[in-house]
ModelCIF file with pLDDT and N, C-alpha, C, O atoms, coordinates in Angstrom:
data_MODEL
#
_entry.id   MODEL 
#
_entity.id                         1 
_entity.type                       polymer 
_entity.pdbx_number_of_molecules   1 
#
_entity_poly.entity_id                      1 
_entity_poly.type                           'polypeptide(L)' 
_entity_poly.nstd_linkage                   no 
_entity_poly.nstd_monomer                   no 
_entity_poly.pdbx_seq_one_letter_code       RRERVETTLDTYLAAIEARPQVYRFLMHPAEGAPTEQGFDVGKH 
_entity_poly.pdbx_seq_one_letter_code_can   RRERVETTLDTYLAAIEARPQVYRFLMHPAEGAPTEQGFDVGKH 
_entity_poly.pdbx_strand_id                 A 
#
loop_
_entity_poly_seq.entity_id 
_entity_poly_seq.num 
_entity_poly_seq.mon_id 
_entity_poly_seq.hetero 
1 1  ARG n 
1 2  ARG n 
1 3  GLU n 
1 4  ARG n 
1 5  VAL n 
1 6  GLU n 
1 7  THR n 
1 8  THR n 
1 9  LEU n 
1 10 ASP n 
1 11 THR n 
1 12 TYR n 
1 13 LEU n 
1 14 ALA n 
1 15 ALA n 
1 16 ILE n 
1 17 GLU n 
1 18 ALA n 
1 19 ARG n 
1 20 PRO n 
1 21 GLN n 
1 22 VAL n 
1 23 TYR n 
1 24 ARG n 
1 25 PHE n 
1 26 LEU n 
1 27 MET n 
1 28 HIS n 
1 29 PRO n 
1 30 ALA n 
1 31 GLU n 
1 32 GLY n 
1 33 ALA n 
1 34 PRO n 
1 35 THR n 
1 36 GLU n 
1 37 GLN n 
1 38 GLY n 
1 39 PHE n 
1 40 ASP n 
1 41 VAL n 
1 42 GLY n 
1 43 LYS n 
1 44 HIS n 
#
_struct_asym.id          A 
_struct_asym.entity_id   1 
#
loop_
_ma_qa_metric.id 
_ma_qa_metric.mode 
_ma_qa_metric.name 
_ma_qa_metric.software_group_id 
_ma_qa_metric.type 
1 global pLDDT . pLDDT 
2 local  pLDDT . pLDDT 
#
_ma_qa_metric_global.metric_id      1 
_ma_qa_metric_global.metric_value   78.80 
_ma_qa_metric_global.model_id       1 
_ma_qa_metric_global.ordinal_id     1 
#
loop_
_ma_qa_metric_local.label_asym_id 
_ma_qa_metric_local.label_comp_id 
_ma_qa_metric_local.label_seq_id 
_ma_qa_metric_local.metric_id 
_ma_qa_metric_local.metric_value 
_ma_qa_metric_local.model_id 
_ma_qa_metric_local.ordinal_id 
A ARG 1  2 91.00 1 1  
A ARG 2  2 94.00 1 2  
A GLU 3  2 95.00 1 3  
A ARG 4  2 92.00 1 4  
A VAL 5  2 93.00 1 5  
A GLU 6  2 96.00 1 6  
A THR 7  2 96.00 1 7  
A THR 8  2 94.00 1 8  
A LEU 9  2 96.00 1 9  
A ASP 10 2 97.00 1 10 
A THR 11 2 96.00 1 11 
A TYR 12 2 96.00 1 12 
A LEU 13 2 97.00 1 13 
A ALA 14 2 97.00 1 14 
A ALA 15 2 95.00 1 15 
A ILE 16 2 95.00 1 16 
A GLU 17 2 96.00 1 17 
A ALA 18 2 94.00 1 18 
A ARG 19 2 92.00 1 19 
A PRO 20 2 92.00 1 20 
A GLN 21 2 91.00 1 21 
A VAL 22 2 89.00 1 22 
A TYR 23 2 90.00 1 23 
A ARG 24 2 89.00 1 24 
A PHE 25 2 87.00 1 25 
A LEU 26 2 86.00 1 26 
A MET 27 2 85.00 1 27 
A HIS 28 2 80.00 1 28 
A PRO 29 2 67.00 1 29 
A ALA 30 2 62.00 1 30 
A GLU 31 2 56.00 1 31 
A GLY 32 2 51.00 1 32 
A ALA 33 2 53.00 1 33 
A PRO 34 2 51.00 1 34 
A THR 35 2 50.00 1 35 
A GLU 36 2 54.00 1 36 
A GLN 37 2 48.00 1 37 
A GLY 38 2 46.00 1 38 
A PHE 39 2 50.00 1 39 
A ASP 40 2 54.00 1 40 
A VAL 41 2 53.00 1 41 
A GLY 42 2 57.00 1 42 
A LYS 43 2 63.00 1 43 
A HIS 44 2 61.00 1 44 
#
loop_
_atom_site.group_PDB 
_atom_site.id 
_atom_site.type_symbol 
_atom_site.label_atom_id 
_atom_site.label_alt_id 
_atom_site.label_comp_id 
_atom_site.label_asym_id 
_atom_site.label_entity_id 
_atom_site.label_seq_id 
_atom_site.pdbx_PDB_ins_code 
_atom_site.Cartn_x 
_atom_site.Cartn_y 
_atom_site.Cartn_z 
_atom_site.occupancy 
_atom_site.B_iso_or_equiv 
_atom_site.pdbx_formal_charge 
_atom_site.auth_seq_id 
_atom_site.auth_comp_id 
_atom_site.auth_asym_id 
_atom_site.auth_atom_id 
_atom_site.pdbx_PDB_model_num 
ATOM 1   N N  . ARG A 1 1  ? 66.494 101.842 121.081 1.00 91.00 ? 1  ARG A N  1 
ATOM 2   C CA . ARG A 1 1  ? 67.155 102.606 119.855 1.00 91.00 ? 1  ARG A CA 1 
ATOM 3   C C  . ARG A 1 1  ? 68.930 102.307 119.962 1.00 91.00 ? 1  ARG A C  1 
ATOM 4   O O  . ARG A 1 1  ? 69.584 101.461 119.350 1.00 91.00 ? 1  ARG A O  1 
ATOM 5   N N  . ARG A 1 2  ? 69.211 102.920 120.564 1.00 94.00 ? 2  ARG A N  1 
ATOM 6   C CA . ARG A 1 2  ? 71.007 102.760 121.588 1.00 94.00 ? 2  ARG A CA 1 
ATOM 7   C C  . ARG A 1 2  ? 70.967 100.634 121.270 1.00 94.00 ? 2  ARG A C  1 
ATOM 8   O O  . ARG A 1 2  ? 71.871 100.449 120.455 1.00 94.00 ? 2  ARG A O  1 
ATOM 9   N N  . GLU A 1 3  ? 70.686 100.038 121.416 1.00 95.00 ? 3  GLU A N  1 
ATOM 10  C CA . GLU A 1 3  ? 70.807 99.347  121.829 1.00 95.00 ? 3  GLU A CA 1 
ATOM 11  C C  . GLU A 1 3  ? 70.632 98.188  120.433 1.00 95.00 ? 3  GLU A C  1 
ATOM 12  O O  . GLU A 1 3  ? 71.360 97.216  120.226 1.00 95.00 ? 3  GLU A O  1 
ATOM 13  N N  . ARG A 1 4  ? 69.479 98.626  119.617 1.00 92.00 ? 4  ARG A N  1 
ATOM 14  C CA . ARG A 1 4  ? 69.659 98.183  118.444 1.00 92.00 ? 4  ARG A CA 1 
ATOM 15  C C  . ARG A 1 4  ? 70.558 98.988  117.276 1.00 92.00 ? 4  ARG A C  1 
ATOM 16  O O  . ARG A 1 4  ? 70.552 98.779  116.062 1.00 92.00 ? 4  ARG A O  1 
ATOM 17  N N  . VAL A 1 5  ? 71.348 99.996  118.053 1.00 93.00 ? 5  VAL A N  1 
ATOM 18  C CA . VAL A 1 5  ? 72.662 100.637 116.693 1.00 93.00 ? 5  VAL A CA 1 
ATOM 19  C C  . VAL A 1 5  ? 73.360 99.384  117.113 1.00 93.00 ? 5  VAL A C  1 
ATOM 20  O O  . VAL A 1 5  ? 73.474 98.453  116.315 1.00 93.00 ? 5  VAL A O  1 
ATOM 21  N N  . GLU A 1 6  ? 74.011 99.291  118.784 1.00 96.00 ? 6  GLU A N  1 
ATOM 22  C CA . GLU A 1 6  ? 74.805 98.397  118.378 1.00 96.00 ? 6  GLU A CA 1 
ATOM 23  C C  . GLU A 1 6  ? 74.908 96.816  117.903 1.00 96.00 ? 6  GLU A C  1 
ATOM 24  O O  . GLU A 1 6  ? 75.613 96.008  117.301 1.00 96.00 ? 6  GLU A O  1 
ATOM 25  N N  . THR A 1 7  ? 73.929 96.951  118.479 1.00 96.00 ? 7  THR A N  1 
ATOM 26  C CA . THR A 1 7  ? 73.453 94.899  118.123 1.00 96.00 ? 7  THR A CA 1 
ATOM 27  C C  . THR A 1 7  ? 73.884 95.343  116.550 1.00 96.00 ? 7  THR A C  1 
ATOM 28  O O  . THR A 1 7  ? 74.763 94.502  116.363 1.00 96.00 ? 7  THR A O  1 
ATOM 29  N N  . THR A 1 8  ? 73.829 96.081  115.375 1.00 94.00 ? 8  THR A N  1 
ATOM 30  C CA . THR A 1 8  ? 73.709 96.555  114.340 1.00 94.00 ? 8  THR A CA 1 
ATOM 31  C C  . THR A 1 8  ? 74.926 96.495  113.994 1.00 94.00 ? 8  THR A C  1 
ATOM 32  O O  . THR A 1 8  ? 75.344 95.816  113.055 1.00 94.00 ? 8  THR A O  1 
ATOM 33  N N  . LEU A 1 9  ? 75.253 96.838  114.348 1.00 96.00 ? 9  LEU A N  1 
ATOM 34  C CA . LEU A 1 9  ? 77.000 96.507  114.494 1.00 96.00 ? 9  LEU A CA 1 
ATOM 35  C C  . LEU A 1 9  ? 78.175 96.242  114.505 1.00 96.00 ? 9  LEU A C  1 
ATOM 36  O O  . LEU A 1 9  ? 79.251 96.580  114.010 1.00 96.00 ? 9  LEU A O  1 
ATOM 37  N N  . ASP A 1 10 ? 77.416 95.076  115.660 1.00 97.00 ? 10 ASP A N  1 
ATOM 38  C CA . ASP A 1 10 ? 77.726 93.879  116.549 1.00 97.00 ? 10 ASP A CA 1 
ATOM 39  C C  . ASP A 1 10 ? 77.769 93.065  114.891 1.00 97.00 ? 10 ASP A C  1 
ATOM 40  O O  . ASP A 1 10 ? 78.688 92.614  114.207 1.00 97.00 ? 10 ASP A O  1 
ATOM 41  N N  . THR A 1 11 ? 76.176 93.173  114.698 1.00 96.00 ? 11 THR A N  1 
ATOM 42  C CA . THR A 1 11 ? 76.045 92.073  113.503 1.00 96.00 ? 11 THR A CA 1 
ATOM 43  C C  . THR A 1 11 ? 77.239 91.709  112.609 1.00 96.00 ? 11 THR A C  1 
ATOM 44  O O  . THR A 1 11 ? 77.638 90.611  112.220 1.00 96.00 ? 11 THR A O  1 
ATOM 45  N N  . TYR A 1 12 ? 77.848 93.391  112.322 1.00 96.00 ? 12 TYR A N  1 
ATOM 46  C CA . TYR A 1 12 ? 77.843 93.642  111.090 1.00 96.00 ? 12 TYR A CA 1 
ATOM 47  C C  . TYR A 1 12 ? 79.653 92.543  111.100 1.00 96.00 ? 12 TYR A C  1 
ATOM 48  O O  . TYR A 1 12 ? 80.105 91.620  110.423 1.00 96.00 ? 12 TYR A O  1 
ATOM 49  N N  . LEU A 1 13 ? 80.233 93.532  112.510 1.00 97.00 ? 13 LEU A N  1 
ATOM 50  C CA . LEU A 1 13 ? 81.939 93.222  112.795 1.00 97.00 ? 13 LEU A CA 1 
ATOM 51  C C  . LEU A 1 13 ? 81.604 91.359  113.569 1.00 97.00 ? 13 LEU A C  1 
ATOM 52  O O  . LEU A 1 13 ? 82.487 90.883  114.283 1.00 97.00 ? 13 LEU A O  1 
ATOM 53  N N  . ALA A 1 14 ? 80.650 90.756  113.369 1.00 97.00 ? 14 ALA A N  1 
ATOM 54  C CA . ALA A 1 14 ? 80.595 89.095  113.311 1.00 97.00 ? 14 ALA A CA 1 
ATOM 55  C C  . ALA A 1 14 ? 80.575 88.457  112.569 1.00 97.00 ? 14 ALA A C  1 
ATOM 56  O O  . ALA A 1 14 ? 80.904 87.309  112.868 1.00 97.00 ? 14 ALA A O  1 
ATOM 57  N N  . ALA A 1 15 ? 80.243 88.691  111.325 1.00 95.00 ? 15 ALA A N  1 
ATOM 58  C CA . ALA A 1 15 ? 79.817 88.987  109.633 1.00 95.00 ? 15 ALA A CA 1 
ATOM 59  C C  . ALA A 1 15 ? 81.061 88.410  109.558 1.00 95.00 ? 15 ALA A C  1 
ATOM 60  O O  . ALA A 1 15 ? 81.309 87.223  109.347 1.00 95.00 ? 15 ALA A O  1 
ATOM 61  N N  . ILE A 1 16 ? 82.214 89.767  109.836 1.00 95.00 ? 16 ILE A N  1 
ATOM 62  C CA . ILE A 1 16 ? 83.368 89.404  109.008 1.00 95.00 ? 16 ILE A CA 1 
ATOM 63  C C  . ILE A 1 16 ? 84.711 88.659  109.608 1.00 95.00 ? 16 ILE A C  1 
ATOM 64  O O  . ILE A 1 16 ? 85.635 88.134  108.989 1.00 95.00 ? 16 ILE A O  1 
ATOM 65  N N  . GLU A 1 17 ? 84.539 88.770  110.767 1.00 96.00 ? 17 GLU A N  1 
ATOM 66  C CA . GLU A 1 17 ? 84.777 88.660  112.012 1.00 96.00 ? 17 GLU A CA 1 
ATOM 67  C C  . GLU A 1 17 ? 84.919 86.638  111.808 1.00 96.00 ? 17 GLU A C  1 
ATOM 68  O O  . GLU A 1 17 ? 85.995 86.067  111.633 1.00 96.00 ? 17 GLU A O  1 
ATOM 69  N N  . ALA A 1 18 ? 83.751 86.029  111.885 1.00 94.00 ? 18 ALA A N  1 
ATOM 70  C CA . ALA A 1 18 ? 83.400 84.409  111.741 1.00 94.00 ? 18 ALA A CA 1 
ATOM 71  C C  . ALA A 1 18 ? 84.231 84.408  110.074 1.00 94.00 ? 18 ALA A C  1 
ATOM 72  O O  . ALA A 1 18 ? 85.166 83.609  110.029 1.00 94.00 ? 18 ALA A O  1 
ATOM 73  N N  . ARG A 1 19 ? 84.028 85.046  109.019 1.00 92.00 ? 19 ARG A N  1 
ATOM 74  C CA . ARG A 1 19 ? 84.392 83.878  108.126 1.00 92.00 ? 19 ARG A CA 1 
ATOM 75  C C  . ARG A 1 19 ? 85.432 85.042  106.793 1.00 92.00 ? 19 ARG A C  1 
ATOM 76  O O  . ARG A 1 19 ? 85.375 85.284  105.587 1.00 92.00 ? 19 ARG A O  1 
ATOM 77  N N  . PRO A 1 20 ? 86.702 85.649  108.560 1.00 92.00 ? 20 PRO A N  1 
ATOM 78  C CA . PRO A 1 20 ? 87.470 86.159  107.529 1.00 92.00 ? 20 PRO A CA 1 
ATOM 79  C C  . PRO A 1 20 ? 88.115 86.140  105.795 1.00 92.00 ? 20 PRO A C  1 
ATOM 80  O O  . PRO A 1 20 ? 88.369 87.237  105.298 1.00 92.00 ? 20 PRO A O  1 
ATOM 81  N N  . GLN A 1 21 ? 88.246 85.422  105.322 1.00 91.00 ? 21 GLN A N  1 
ATOM 82  C CA . GLN A 1 21 ? 88.498 84.534  104.386 1.00 91.00 ? 21 GLN A CA 1 
ATOM 83  C C  . GLN A 1 21 ? 87.551 85.314  103.501 1.00 91.00 ? 21 GLN A C  1 
ATOM 84  O O  . GLN A 1 21 ? 87.765 86.234  102.712 1.00 91.00 ? 21 GLN A O  1 
ATOM 85  N N  . VAL A 1 22 ? 86.640 84.796  103.794 1.00 89.00 ? 22 VAL A N  1 
ATOM 86  C CA . VAL A 1 22 ? 85.580 85.334  102.065 1.00 89.00 ? 22 VAL A CA 1 
ATOM 87  C C  . VAL A 1 22 ? 85.452 86.556  102.339 1.00 89.00 ? 22 VAL A C  1 
ATOM 88  O O  . VAL A 1 22 ? 84.934 87.148  101.393 1.00 89.00 ? 22 VAL A O  1 
ATOM 89  N N  . TYR A 1 23 ? 85.780 87.483  103.553 1.00 90.00 ? 23 TYR A N  1 
ATOM 90  C CA . TYR A 1 23 ? 85.595 89.162  103.776 1.00 90.00 ? 23 TYR A CA 1 
ATOM 91  C C  . TYR A 1 23 ? 87.106 89.240  102.184 1.00 90.00 ? 23 TYR A C  1 
ATOM 92  O O  . TYR A 1 23 ? 87.356 89.709  101.074 1.00 90.00 ? 23 TYR A O  1 
ATOM 93  N N  . ARG A 1 24 ? 87.632 88.362  103.311 1.00 89.00 ? 24 ARG A N  1 
ATOM 94  C CA . ARG A 1 24 ? 89.059 89.171  102.473 1.00 89.00 ? 24 ARG A CA 1 
ATOM 95  C C  . ARG A 1 24 ? 88.754 89.062  100.804 1.00 89.00 ? 24 ARG A C  1 
ATOM 96  O O  . ARG A 1 24 ? 89.103 89.672  99.793  1.00 89.00 ? 24 ARG A O  1 
ATOM 97  N N  . PHE A 1 25 ? 88.073 88.156  101.070 1.00 87.00 ? 25 PHE A N  1 
ATOM 98  C CA . PHE A 1 25 ? 87.951 87.622  99.158  1.00 87.00 ? 25 PHE A CA 1 
ATOM 99  C C  . PHE A 1 25 ? 86.944 88.899  98.674  1.00 87.00 ? 25 PHE A C  1 
ATOM 100 O O  . PHE A 1 25 ? 87.188 89.839  97.917  1.00 87.00 ? 25 PHE A O  1 
ATOM 101 N N  . LEU A 1 26 ? 86.340 88.728  99.040  1.00 86.00 ? 26 LEU A N  1 
ATOM 102 C CA . LEU A 1 26 ? 85.472 90.414  97.863  1.00 86.00 ? 26 LEU A CA 1 
ATOM 103 C C  . LEU A 1 26 ? 85.548 91.035  98.443  1.00 86.00 ? 26 LEU A C  1 
ATOM 104 O O  . LEU A 1 26 ? 84.606 91.803  98.247  1.00 86.00 ? 26 LEU A O  1 
ATOM 105 N N  . MET A 1 27 ? 86.913 91.817  100.291 1.00 85.00 ? 27 MET A N  1 
ATOM 106 C CA . MET A 1 27 ? 86.788 93.491  99.959  1.00 85.00 ? 27 MET A CA 1 
ATOM 107 C C  . MET A 1 27 ? 88.565 93.336  98.737  1.00 85.00 ? 27 MET A C  1 
ATOM 108 O O  . MET A 1 27 ? 89.218 94.303  98.346  1.00 85.00 ? 27 MET A O  1 
ATOM 109 N N  . HIS A 1 28 ? 88.771 92.339  98.538  1.00 80.00 ? 28 HIS A N  1 
ATOM 110 C CA . HIS A 1 28 ? 90.621 93.095  98.649  1.00 80.00 ? 28 HIS A CA 1 
ATOM 111 C C  . HIS A 1 28 ? 90.827 91.038  97.870  1.00 80.00 ? 28 HIS A C  1 
ATOM 112 O O  . HIS A 1 28 ? 91.190 89.977  98.377  1.00 80.00 ? 28 HIS A O  1 
ATOM 113 N N  . PRO A 1 29 ? 90.335 91.471  96.443  1.00 67.00 ? 29 PRO A N  1 
ATOM 114 C CA . PRO A 1 29 ? 89.791 89.558  96.228  1.00 67.00 ? 29 PRO A CA 1 
ATOM 115 C C  . PRO A 1 29 ? 91.888 89.668  95.025  1.00 67.00 ? 29 PRO A C  1 
ATOM 116 O O  . PRO A 1 29 ? 92.371 88.641  94.548  1.00 67.00 ? 29 PRO A O  1 
ATOM 117 N N  . ALA A 1 30 ? 92.335 90.558  94.934  1.00 62.00 ? 30 ALA A N  1 
ATOM 118 C CA . ALA A 1 30 ? 93.947 90.597  94.650  1.00 62.00 ? 30 ALA A CA 1 
ATOM 119 C C  . ALA A 1 30 ? 94.682 89.843  95.880  1.00 62.00 ? 30 ALA A C  1 
ATOM 120 O O  . ALA A 1 30 ? 95.374 88.864  95.599  1.00 62.00 ? 30 ALA A O  1 
ATOM 121 N N  . GLU A 1 31 ? 94.599 90.136  96.842  1.00 56.00 ? 31 GLU A N  1 
ATOM 122 C CA . GLU A 1 31 ? 95.626 89.798  98.011  1.00 56.00 ? 31 GLU A CA 1 
ATOM 123 C C  . GLU A 1 31 ? 96.221 88.183  97.682  1.00 56.00 ? 31 GLU A C  1 
ATOM 124 O O  . GLU A 1 31 ? 95.498 87.205  97.497  1.00 56.00 ? 31 GLU A O  1 
ATOM 125 N N  . GLY A 1 32 ? 97.583 88.192  97.667  1.00 51.00 ? 32 GLY A N  1 
ATOM 126 C CA . GLY A 1 32 ? 97.870 86.959  98.301  1.00 51.00 ? 32 GLY A CA 1 
ATOM 127 C C  . GLY A 1 32 ? 97.981 86.500  96.526  1.00 51.00 ? 32 GLY A C  1 
ATOM 128 O O  . GLY A 1 32 ? 98.295 85.322  96.352  1.00 51.00 ? 32 GLY A O  1 
ATOM 129 N N  . ALA A 1 33 ? 97.791 87.184  95.484  1.00 53.00 ? 33 ALA A N  1 
ATOM 130 C CA . ALA A 1 33 ? 97.670 86.153  94.096  1.00 53.00 ? 33 ALA A CA 1 
ATOM 131 C C  . ALA A 1 33 ? 97.365 87.344  92.766  1.00 53.00 ? 33 ALA A C  1 
ATOM 132 O O  . ALA A 1 33 ? 96.707 88.340  92.466  1.00 53.00 ? 33 ALA A O  1 
ATOM 133 N N  . PRO A 1 34 ? 98.304 86.456  92.318  1.00 51.00 ? 34 PRO A N  1 
ATOM 134 C CA . PRO A 1 34 ? 98.015 88.008  90.656  1.00 51.00 ? 34 PRO A CA 1 
ATOM 135 C C  . PRO A 1 34 ? 96.837 87.927  90.610  1.00 51.00 ? 34 PRO A C  1 
ATOM 136 O O  . PRO A 1 34 ? 96.102 87.049  91.064  1.00 51.00 ? 34 PRO A O  1 
ATOM 137 N N  . THR A 1 35 ? 96.514 89.176  89.858  1.00 50.00 ? 35 THR A N  1 
ATOM 138 C CA . THR A 1 35 ? 94.737 89.077  89.489  1.00 50.00 ? 35 THR A CA 1 
ATOM 139 C C  . THR A 1 35 ? 94.514 88.368  87.955  1.00 50.00 ? 35 THR A C  1 
ATOM 140 O O  . THR A 1 35 ? 95.218 88.543  86.960  1.00 50.00 ? 35 THR A O  1 
ATOM 141 N N  . GLU A 1 36 ? 93.542 87.680  88.063  1.00 54.00 ? 36 GLU A N  1 
ATOM 142 C CA . GLU A 1 36 ? 93.678 86.715  87.260  1.00 54.00 ? 36 GLU A CA 1 
ATOM 143 C C  . GLU A 1 36 ? 93.588 88.036  86.463  1.00 54.00 ? 36 GLU A C  1 
ATOM 144 O O  . GLU A 1 36 ? 93.668 89.130  87.021  1.00 54.00 ? 36 GLU A O  1 
ATOM 145 N N  . GLN A 1 37 ? 93.299 87.778  84.210  1.00 48.00 ? 37 GLN A N  1 
ATOM 146 C CA . GLN A 1 37 ? 93.361 88.808  83.720  1.00 48.00 ? 37 GLN A CA 1 
ATOM 147 C C  . GLN A 1 37 ? 91.719 88.914  83.202  1.00 48.00 ? 37 GLN A C  1 
ATOM 148 O O  . GLN A 1 37 ? 91.044 87.894  83.061  1.00 48.00 ? 37 GLN A O  1 
ATOM 149 N N  . GLY A 1 38 ? 91.155 90.340  82.930  1.00 46.00 ? 38 GLY A N  1 
ATOM 150 C CA . GLY A 1 38 ? 90.027 90.667  83.665  1.00 46.00 ? 38 GLY A CA 1 
ATOM 151 C C  . GLY A 1 38 ? 89.133 90.781  84.486  1.00 46.00 ? 38 GLY A C  1 
ATOM 152 O O  . GLY A 1 38 ? 87.909 90.873  84.579  1.00 46.00 ? 38 GLY A O  1 
ATOM 153 N N  . PHE A 1 39 ? 90.174 90.749  85.153  1.00 50.00 ? 39 PHE A N  1 
ATOM 154 C CA . PHE A 1 39 ? 89.288 91.162  86.303  1.00 50.00 ? 39 PHE A CA 1 
ATOM 155 C C  . PHE A 1 39 ? 89.522 92.275  87.797  1.00 50.00 ? 39 PHE A C  1 
ATOM 156 O O  . PHE A 1 39 ? 90.297 92.477  88.732  1.00 50.00 ? 39 PHE A O  1 
ATOM 157 N N  . ASP A 1 40 ? 88.043 92.833  87.099  1.00 54.00 ? 40 ASP A N  1 
ATOM 158 C CA . ASP A 1 40 ? 88.583 94.525  87.923  1.00 54.00 ? 40 ASP A CA 1 
ATOM 159 C C  . ASP A 1 40 ? 88.912 94.132  88.565  1.00 54.00 ? 40 ASP A C  1 
ATOM 160 O O  . ASP A 1 40 ? 88.970 92.931  88.301  1.00 54.00 ? 40 ASP A O  1 
ATOM 161 N N  . VAL A 1 41 ? 89.571 94.512  90.241  1.00 53.00 ? 41 VAL A N  1 
ATOM 162 C CA . VAL A 1 41 ? 88.593 94.702  91.595  1.00 53.00 ? 41 VAL A CA 1 
ATOM 163 C C  . VAL A 1 41 ? 87.445 95.825  91.823  1.00 53.00 ? 41 VAL A C  1 
ATOM 164 O O  . VAL A 1 41 ? 86.228 95.704  91.961  1.00 53.00 ? 41 VAL A O  1 
ATOM 165 N N  . GLY A 1 42 ? 88.321 97.002  91.808  1.00 57.00 ? 42 GLY A N  1 
ATOM 166 C CA . GLY A 1 42 ? 87.255 97.944  91.981  1.00 57.00 ? 42 GLY A CA 1 
ATOM 167 C C  . GLY A 1 42 ? 85.689 97.875  91.663  1.00 57.00 ? 42 GLY A C  1 
ATOM 168 O O  . GLY A 1 42 ? 84.764 98.094  92.445  1.00 57.00 ? 42 GLY A O  1 
ATOM 169 N N  . LYS A 1 43 ? 85.608 97.387  89.834  1.00 63.00 ? 43 LYS A N  1 
ATOM 170 C CA . LYS A 1 43 ? 84.061 97.128  89.200  1.00 63.00 ? 43 LYS A CA 1 
ATOM 171 C C  . LYS A 1 43 ? 83.750 96.325  90.066  1.00 63.00 ? 43 LYS A C  1 
ATOM 172 O O  . LYS A 1 43 ? 82.596 95.943  89.875  1.00 63.00 ? 43 LYS A O  1 
ATOM 173 N N  . HIS A 1 44 ? 84.460 95.627  91.408  1.00 61.00 ? 44 HIS A N  1 
ATOM 174 C CA . HIS A 1 44 ? 83.277 94.302  91.264  1.00 61.00 ? 44 HIS A CA 1 
ATOM 175 C C  . HIS A 1 44 ? 83.086 94.573  92.596  1.00 61.00 ? 44 HIS A C  1 
ATOM 176 O O  . HIS A 1 44 ? 82.267 93.924  93.247  1.00 61.00 ? 44 HIS A O  1 
#
């Protein structure tokens, strides 16, 4: 169980580390550019 817990945590962290731009687009979509009209960051 302990190994599976660590592997699961590592899987998540490895995914966001491998594609940080995708992660930032999904979780911080307004960073680095004006929010486009009609796009509610929190809603999505």
